[in-house]
Amino acid sequence: MSRFLTKGVSTVRALHLKSDGKPPFPFSSSNVSFWYSGQVALWQGIHQLGLKKSDGVLVPAYSCGLEIDVLLSAGLQLEFYQINEDLTPDFEQLEVLCKPGVRVLYVTHYFGVSQPLLMLRNFATDHGLLLIEDNAHGLYSQDKNGQWLGREADCSIFSLRKKLPIPDGGALIMKRKFGDAGAKCPDCQSPPLKRVLWSGVLMACQELVYLLPGGIYQAITRRKVRKEAQQMDNTCEAGFDQSQANWSASRLTQWIIHHVNHSHIRESRRRNFQVLDKCFRGGKATRKLLGPLRIGCCPWFYPVMADNPDGLVEFMLSQGIWACRFWAQEHPNIPLQKFPFERSLKRHLVVLPVHQGLSKEEMRRIGCVLNRWSERTPRISVQDR
């Protein structure tokens, strides 16, 4: 029986490869600080930039929602802008939204694909704006010129758990210090030992699952996968817990960061995306969201647009493959009725795994199963396209 293909890699299997020496950017940066999560990193970055309540932020309408909660918790005023079908910002709308009081341009590198950073940096400079790079998806990604994502902005944040087998972790890069506001947080504290130990226990339990007989392994993994998918679906309901606002990354996380093979992670993810992209033919009912893998991109997931996303997810799970509706929950503070393309993404986007624990043969299996679904005549979703 083939194993269930989940969204993440086991810690043991990730650590069996020797470290490849000095970790790459952002870990090697002299300006990096490590926090409990990407949300906490963003909170710290906002305050190190010296932003004040009621300062305006231009933020994409297509968002996870967790970053929106942090920005709102800081008392910032959000102006939402639309993105194009290639997921880049609509610069014409950005021009219209640049009004007095706006201080920040917030950009997101969706799925690890680089935004046009030079254009964005020039736009921010011309309009006197600070630039925040949300690189939660883009760890290990570079732009077409070989520049690591996260180097260009005044403030860059990373969500390390998306690509590393760690219990917690976010990273913050500040391009420069902004007076006293740039000083290191004086109240920085480690997360509670109880929470770290519990995360370690959960990670250990996940490792033990791999040792179980096939049928038991499959049953446990299926339940776990469905729970993870539901959690990803409901990210907007989590909010931001300000009691964690000064938590640093745990020592366990920082140890793992320096003992994994970062090059292997990056190369394996790129390879897996390319294998799946070559295998998946696409069709009218299920379509590729992105084109061929961009130069320098280290992908988070393989995204597809599905007319019947719930049906596709259930079909993939029934075949032993993790799949999930992506960012399906609509944040109450984002007026998606004004953004039809962004709403369509919320309602039809499904993601599939490309993580470093999967082999080329397993990626071909995912592609074949995806083609089987696409070649069927599925029930069309009743949701708006």
Protein backbone atom coordinates (compact mmCIF):
# COMPACT_ATOMS: atom_id res chain seq x y z
CA MET A 1 0.00 0.00 0.00
CA SER A 2 1.42 3.41 -0.96
CA ARG A 3 1.86 5.89 1.85
CA PHE A 4 -0.45 8.86 2.33
CA LEU A 5 1.13 11.94 0.72
CA THR A 6 0.78 14.71 3.30
CA LYS A 7 1.57 18.42 3.16
CA GLY A 8 4.62 18.31 5.44
CA VAL A 9 7.90 16.49 5.94
CA SER A 10 8.88 14.51 9.03
CA THR A 11 11.50 16.10 11.26
CA VAL A 12 13.58 12.93 11.49
CA ARG A 13 13.72 12.53 7.73
CA ALA A 14 14.56 16.21 7.36
CA LEU A 15 17.46 15.98 9.81
CA HIS A 16 19.01 12.80 8.43
CA LEU A 17 20.73 14.89 5.75
CA LYS A 18 23.81 16.66 7.00
CA SER A 19 23.72 20.43 7.26
CA ASP A 20 25.15 22.06 4.14
CA GLY A 21 27.20 24.58 6.09
CA LYS A 22 26.26 28.19 6.68
CA PRO A 23 22.50 28.66 6.29
CA PRO A 24 21.37 30.94 3.44
CA PHE A 25 19.49 34.23 3.68
CA PRO A 26 17.62 35.18 5.83
CA PHE A 27 19.33 32.99 8.44
CA SER A 28 22.76 34.37 7.54
CA SER A 29 21.72 38.02 7.73
CA SER A 30 23.17 40.21 10.47
CA ASN A 31 19.79 41.98 10.63
CA VAL A 32 17.63 38.91 11.29
CA SER A 33 15.69 38.24 14.46
CA PHE A 34 13.68 35.09 15.15
CA TRP A 35 10.16 35.13 16.54
CA TYR A 36 7.46 32.70 17.53
CA SER A 37 5.51 33.08 14.27
CA GLY A 38 5.23 35.17 11.14
CA GLN A 39 2.47 37.13 12.86
CA VAL A 40 4.75 38.01 15.77
CA ALA A 41 7.53 38.96 13.34
CA LEU A 42 5.14 41.32 11.55
CA TRP A 43 4.00 42.86 14.85
CA GLN A 44 7.61 43.50 15.82
CA GLY A 45 8.40 44.94 12.39
CA ILE A 46 5.48 47.37 12.55
CA HIS A 47 6.75 48.76 15.84
CA GLN A 48 10.38 48.86 14.75
CA LEU A 49 9.31 50.91 11.71
CA GLY A 50 7.82 53.42 14.13
CA LEU A 51 4.32 53.19 12.65
CA LYS A 52 1.61 54.88 14.66
CA LYS A 53 -2.10 54.27 15.03
CA SER A 54 -4.12 55.55 12.08
CA ASP A 55 -1.14 55.37 9.69
CA GLY A 56 -2.35 54.10 6.32
CA VAL A 57 -1.21 50.83 4.73
CA LEU A 58 -1.81 49.71 1.14
CA VAL A 59 -2.44 45.97 1.43
CA PRO A 60 -3.55 43.39 -1.18
CA ALA A 61 -7.20 42.35 -1.06
CA TYR A 62 -6.06 38.77 -1.63
CA SER A 63 -4.71 37.95 1.81
CA CYS A 64 -4.56 35.09 4.26
CA GLY A 65 -6.25 37.15 6.96
CA LEU A 66 -3.74 36.56 9.74
CA GLU A 67 -1.61 39.47 8.55
CA ILE A 68 -4.75 41.62 8.41
CA ASP A 69 -5.43 40.83 12.07
CA VAL A 70 -1.94 41.99 13.04
CA LEU A 71 -2.21 45.24 11.08
CA LEU A 72 -5.62 45.99 12.56
CA SER A 73 -4.43 45.13 16.07
CA ALA A 74 -1.73 47.76 15.63
CA GLY A 75 -4.44 50.35 14.89
CA LEU A 76 -3.40 50.88 11.26
CA GLN A 77 -5.84 52.02 8.56
CA LEU A 78 -5.99 49.58 5.66
CA GLU A 79 -6.58 50.46 2.01
CA PHE A 80 -7.03 47.34 -0.10
CA TYR A 81 -5.70 47.08 -3.65
CA GLN A 82 -6.44 44.54 -6.35
CA ILE A 83 -3.98 42.19 -8.01
CA ASN A 84 -3.69 41.14 -11.64
CA GLU A 85 -4.23 37.62 -12.94
CA ASP A 86 -0.48 37.01 -12.68
CA LEU A 87 -0.82 37.91 -8.95
CA THR A 88 1.17 41.16 -9.30
CA PRO A 89 -0.16 44.44 -7.85
CA ASP A 90 -2.33 46.72 -9.97
CA PHE A 91 -0.07 49.77 -10.12
CA GLU A 92 -2.79 52.02 -11.56
CA GLN A 93 -4.95 51.37 -8.52
CA LEU A 94 -1.98 51.87 -6.21
CA GLU A 95 -1.53 55.35 -7.70
CA VAL A 96 -5.16 56.19 -6.93
CA LEU A 97 -4.89 54.91 -3.36
CA CYS A 98 -1.75 56.91 -2.51
CA LYS A 99 -3.44 59.60 -0.43
CA PRO A 100 -2.21 61.71 2.50
CA GLY A 101 -1.74 59.55 5.57
CA VAL A 102 -0.64 56.44 3.69
CA ARG A 103 2.80 55.40 4.93
CA VAL A 104 3.29 51.78 3.88
CA LEU A 105 3.09 49.60 0.78
CA TYR A 106 2.56 45.95 1.79
CA VAL A 107 3.32 43.28 -0.82
CA THR A 108 2.98 39.49 -0.72
CA HIS A 109 5.09 36.97 -2.63
CA TYR A 110 2.32 34.44 -3.29
CA PHE A 111 3.45 30.79 -3.24
CA GLY A 112 7.10 31.92 -3.27
CA VAL A 113 6.86 33.67 -6.65
CA SER A 114 8.70 36.99 -6.63
CA GLN A 115 6.77 40.21 -7.10
CA PRO A 116 8.36 42.91 -9.35
CA LEU A 117 10.55 44.19 -6.55
CA LEU A 118 12.42 46.89 -8.46
CA MET A 119 9.15 48.46 -9.64
CA LEU A 120 7.68 48.21 -6.14
CA ARG A 121 10.78 49.68 -4.51
CA ASN A 122 10.77 52.58 -6.99
CA PHE A 123 7.04 53.12 -6.47
CA ALA A 124 7.47 53.22 -2.70
CA THR A 125 10.41 55.61 -2.94
CA ASP A 126 8.63 57.94 -5.37
CA HIS A 127 5.62 58.17 -3.05
CA GLY A 128 7.54 58.35 0.21
CA LEU A 129 6.29 54.97 1.42
CA LEU A 130 7.89 52.29 3.54
CA LEU A 131 7.92 48.86 1.89
CA ILE A 132 6.95 45.70 3.78
CA GLU A 133 7.62 42.35 2.09
CA ASP A 134 5.40 39.50 3.25
CA ASN A 135 7.68 36.60 2.46
CA ALA A 136 5.69 34.03 4.43
CA HIS A 137 5.52 31.81 1.32
CA GLY A 138 8.93 32.71 -0.06
CA LEU A 139 11.63 31.23 2.14
CA TYR A 140 14.54 30.17 -0.14
CA SER A 141 13.10 32.09 -3.12
CA GLN A 142 15.02 34.52 -5.31
CA ASP A 143 13.96 36.97 -8.00
CA LYS A 144 14.97 36.56 -11.64
CA ASN A 145 18.26 38.34 -10.94
CA GLY A 146 19.25 35.96 -8.16
CA GLN A 147 18.39 38.37 -5.33
CA TRP A 148 16.98 36.69 -2.22
CA LEU A 149 13.43 37.75 -1.46
CA GLY A 150 13.35 39.86 1.67
CA ARG A 151 16.44 41.94 0.95
CA GLU A 152 14.72 44.84 -0.79
CA ALA A 153 12.13 46.05 1.70
CA ASP A 154 12.40 48.21 4.79
CA CYS A 155 10.81 45.32 6.68
CA SER A 156 10.53 41.68 5.59
CA ILE A 157 8.81 38.85 7.41
CA PHE A 158 9.06 35.07 7.01
CA SER A 159 6.90 32.23 8.29
CA LEU A 160 9.47 29.47 8.72
CA ARG A 161 7.07 26.62 9.53
CA LYS A 162 5.74 26.62 5.99
CA LYS A 163 8.91 24.98 4.67
CA LEU A 164 10.78 23.74 7.73
CA PRO A 165 9.83 20.90 10.15
CA ILE A 166 9.84 23.08 13.28
CA PRO A 167 7.36 23.60 16.15
CA ASP A 168 7.28 27.39 15.77
CA GLY A 169 9.16 30.15 14.02
CA GLY A 170 9.04 33.43 12.17
CA ALA A 171 11.86 35.69 11.01
CA LEU A 172 12.12 39.45 10.71
CA ILE A 173 14.60 41.40 8.58
CA MET A 174 14.92 45.15 9.10
CA LYS A 175 16.86 46.91 6.35
CA ARG A 176 17.95 49.67 8.71
CA LYS A 177 17.19 51.04 12.14
CA PHE A 178 14.55 53.74 12.46
CA GLY A 179 15.84 55.74 15.41
CA ASP A 180 14.86 54.47 18.84
CA ALA A 181 12.02 52.52 17.24
CA GLY A 182 14.60 50.23 15.66
CA ALA A 183 15.97 49.04 18.98
CA LYS A 184 15.59 45.38 19.87
CA CYS A 185 12.43 44.59 21.79
CA PRO A 186 13.37 44.92 25.48
CA ASP A 187 10.59 42.55 26.56
CA CYS A 188 11.54 39.68 24.22
CA GLN A 189 10.88 36.36 25.93
CA SER A 190 11.00 32.68 25.08
CA PRO A 191 7.67 30.91 24.59
CA PRO A 192 6.45 28.97 27.64
CA LEU A 193 8.36 25.73 28.12
CA LYS A 194 5.07 23.84 28.45
CA ARG A 195 4.01 24.96 24.96
CA VAL A 196 7.39 24.07 23.43
CA LEU A 197 7.37 20.65 25.10
CA TRP A 198 3.82 19.99 23.91
CA SER A 199 4.83 20.91 20.36
CA GLY A 200 7.77 18.53 20.71
CA VAL A 201 5.45 15.75 21.88
CA LEU A 202 3.17 16.31 18.89
CA MET A 203 6.16 16.22 16.54
CA ALA A 204 7.37 12.97 18.16
CA CYS A 205 3.91 11.42 17.77
CA GLN A 206 3.96 12.29 14.09
CA GLU A 207 7.29 10.47 13.75
CA LEU A 208 5.90 7.36 15.48
CA VAL A 209 3.02 7.23 12.99
CA TYR A 210 5.54 6.37 10.27
CA LEU A 211 6.42 3.14 12.15
CA LEU A 212 2.84 1.83 12.31
CA PRO A 213 1.45 -0.88 9.99
CA GLY A 214 0.16 0.47 6.69
CA GLY A 215 -3.57 0.32 7.39
CA ILE A 216 -3.32 2.00 10.80
CA TYR A 217 -0.92 4.58 9.38
CA GLN A 218 -3.35 5.40 6.58
CA ALA A 219 -6.32 5.78 8.95
CA ILE A 220 -4.48 8.08 11.38
CA THR A 221 -2.96 10.16 8.61
CA ARG A 222 -6.29 10.67 6.87
CA ARG A 223 -7.85 12.06 10.05
CA LYS A 224 -4.82 14.28 10.66
CA VAL A 225 -4.90 15.57 7.09
CA ARG A 226 -8.59 16.47 7.28
CA LYS A 227 -8.02 18.37 10.53
CA GLU A 228 -5.08 20.28 8.98
CA ALA A 229 -7.16 21.14 5.94
CA GLN A 230 -9.95 22.49 8.14
CA GLN A 231 -7.45 24.57 10.13
CA MET A 232 -6.02 26.09 6.94
CA ASP A 233 -9.56 26.80 5.75
CA ASN A 234 -10.35 28.70 8.96
CA THR A 235 -7.18 30.80 9.31
CA CYS A 236 -9.18 34.04 9.44
CA GLU A 237 -10.89 32.89 12.63
CA ALA A 238 -7.61 32.65 14.56
CA GLY A 239 -6.99 36.39 15.06
CA PHE A 240 -3.82 37.70 16.71
CA ASP A 241 -3.02 36.89 20.31
CA GLN A 242 -1.15 39.93 21.66
CA SER A 243 -0.03 37.94 24.69
CA GLN A 244 2.42 36.26 22.28
CA ALA A 245 3.60 39.54 20.73
CA ASN A 246 7.08 39.41 22.32
CA TRP A 247 7.70 35.67 22.06
CA SER A 248 10.92 34.68 20.34
CA ALA A 249 11.41 31.44 18.43
CA SER A 250 12.06 28.48 20.71
CA ARG A 251 15.55 27.09 21.15
CA LEU A 252 14.37 23.86 19.51
CA THR A 253 13.40 25.78 16.39
CA GLN A 254 16.70 27.66 16.29
CA TRP A 255 18.62 24.39 16.72
CA ILE A 256 16.76 22.70 13.87
CA ILE A 257 17.36 25.69 11.59
CA HIS A 258 21.11 25.13 11.88
CA HIS A 259 20.93 21.36 11.38
CA VAL A 260 18.87 20.92 8.22
CA ASN A 261 20.14 20.82 4.66
CA HIS A 262 18.72 24.03 3.24
CA SER A 263 19.99 23.40 -0.30
CA HIS A 264 18.26 20.03 -0.36
CA ILE A 265 14.96 21.60 0.73
CA ARG A 266 15.13 24.27 -1.96
CA GLU A 267 16.19 21.98 -4.79
CA SER A 268 13.68 19.25 -3.87
CA ARG A 269 10.75 21.66 -3.79
CA ARG A 270 11.69 23.12 -7.16
CA ARG A 271 12.10 19.66 -8.66
CA ASN A 272 8.78 18.43 -7.27
CA PHE A 273 6.87 21.43 -8.61
CA GLN A 274 8.39 20.93 -12.06
CA VAL A 275 7.61 17.21 -12.11
CA LEU A 276 3.98 17.82 -11.16
CA ASP A 277 3.64 20.74 -13.57
CA LYS A 278 4.96 18.61 -16.43
CA CYS A 279 2.63 15.72 -15.58
CA PHE A 280 -0.57 17.73 -15.01
CA ARG A 281 -2.28 18.52 -18.31
CA GLY A 282 -4.97 20.81 -16.97
CA GLY A 283 -8.43 21.24 -18.44
CA LYS A 284 -11.58 23.34 -18.35
CA ALA A 285 -12.68 22.12 -14.93
CA THR A 286 -9.23 22.23 -13.29
CA ARG A 287 -6.64 24.75 -14.43
CA LYS A 288 -3.11 25.75 -13.53
CA LEU A 289 -2.91 29.02 -11.61
CA LEU A 290 0.76 29.63 -12.33
CA GLY A 291 2.83 29.08 -15.44
CA PRO A 292 6.13 27.18 -15.49
CA LEU A 293 8.24 27.52 -12.37
CA ARG A 294 9.94 30.91 -12.28
CA ILE A 295 13.70 31.25 -12.11
CA GLY A 296 14.74 31.32 -8.46
CA CYS A 297 11.31 30.41 -7.04
CA CYS A 298 11.13 27.92 -4.17
CA PRO A 299 7.40 27.03 -4.17
CA TRP A 300 5.23 26.47 -1.13
CA PHE A 301 2.44 24.52 -2.85
CA TYR A 302 1.20 23.65 -6.33
CA PRO A 303 -1.98 25.73 -6.84
CA VAL A 304 -4.84 24.90 -9.21
CA MET A 305 -8.18 26.57 -9.92
CA ALA A 306 -11.09 24.13 -9.71
CA ASP A 307 -14.73 24.60 -10.70
CA ASN A 308 -15.63 22.16 -7.93
CA PRO A 309 -12.92 22.66 -5.30
CA ASP A 310 -14.63 20.66 -2.56
CA GLY A 311 -15.08 17.73 -4.91
CA LEU A 312 -11.43 17.88 -5.97
CA VAL A 313 -10.21 17.94 -2.36
CA GLU A 314 -12.38 14.95 -1.40
CA PHE A 315 -11.24 13.02 -4.47
CA MET A 316 -7.54 13.61 -3.77
CA LEU A 317 -7.96 12.64 -0.10
CA SER A 318 -9.77 9.45 -1.14
CA GLN A 319 -6.73 8.59 -3.27
CA GLY A 320 -4.31 9.12 -0.38
CA ILE A 321 -3.11 12.59 -1.38
CA TRP A 322 -3.31 15.72 0.77
CA ALA A 323 -5.18 18.63 -0.82
CA CYS A 324 -6.84 21.71 0.61
CA ARG A 325 -8.99 24.70 -0.22
CA PHE A 326 -6.57 27.61 0.09
CA TRP A 327 -7.47 30.74 2.08
CA ALA A 328 -11.14 29.93 1.54
CA GLN A 329 -12.29 31.83 4.62
CA GLU A 330 -13.23 35.44 3.78
CA HIS A 331 -11.97 38.02 6.24
CA PRO A 332 -14.82 40.27 7.48
CA ASN A 333 -12.71 43.41 7.07
CA ILE A 334 -11.88 42.84 3.39
CA PRO A 335 -14.67 44.05 1.04
CA LEU A 336 -14.28 41.19 -1.44
CA GLN A 337 -17.45 42.23 -3.27
CA LYS A 338 -15.25 44.97 -4.79
CA PHE A 339 -12.60 42.46 -5.85
CA PRO A 340 -14.08 39.73 -8.11
CA PHE A 341 -10.76 38.10 -9.03
CA GLU A 342 -9.66 37.87 -5.41
CA ARG A 343 -13.04 36.41 -4.43
CA SER A 344 -12.71 33.85 -7.23
CA LEU A 345 -9.34 32.79 -5.84
CA LYS A 346 -10.88 32.38 -2.39
CA ARG A 347 -13.67 30.22 -3.78
CA HIS A 348 -11.85 28.04 -6.29
CA LEU A 349 -8.19 27.67 -5.37
CA VAL A 350 -6.90 24.26 -4.26
CA VAL A 351 -3.29 23.49 -3.30
CA LEU A 352 -1.28 20.28 -3.53
CA PRO A 353 1.99 19.35 -1.79
CA VAL A 354 5.47 19.71 -3.31
CA HIS A 355 7.49 19.43 -0.09
CA GLN A 356 10.99 18.01 0.14
CA GLY A 357 9.85 14.70 1.65
CA LEU A 358 8.19 13.62 -1.61
CA SER A 359 9.95 11.74 -4.40
CA LYS A 360 9.66 12.25 -8.15
CA GLU A 361 7.61 9.06 -8.39
CA GLU A 362 5.17 10.35 -5.78
CA MET A 363 4.86 13.67 -7.61
CA ARG A 364 4.01 11.78 -10.81
CA ARG A 365 1.37 9.88 -8.87
CA ILE A 366 -0.16 13.18 -7.71
CA GLY A 367 -0.15 14.41 -11.30
CA CYS A 368 -1.82 11.25 -12.60
CA VAL A 369 -4.57 11.40 -9.98
CA LEU A 370 -5.10 15.10 -10.69
CA ASN A 371 -5.43 14.30 -14.41
CA ARG A 372 -8.00 11.61 -13.65
CA TRP A 373 -10.12 14.19 -11.85
CA SER A 374 -9.64 16.81 -14.54
CA GLU A 375 -10.63 14.39 -17.31
CA ARG A 376 -13.89 13.54 -15.58
CA THR A 377 -17.02 15.65 -15.93
CA PRO A 378 -17.29 16.90 -12.35
CA ARG A 379 -20.27 18.57 -10.82
CA ILE A 380 -19.85 22.32 -11.30
CA SER A 381 -19.67 24.32 -8.09
CA VAL A 382 -22.70 26.47 -7.36
CA GLN A 383 -20.46 29.21 -6.01
CA ASP A 384 -19.80 32.28 -8.08
CA ARG A 385 -16.77 32.05 -10.31
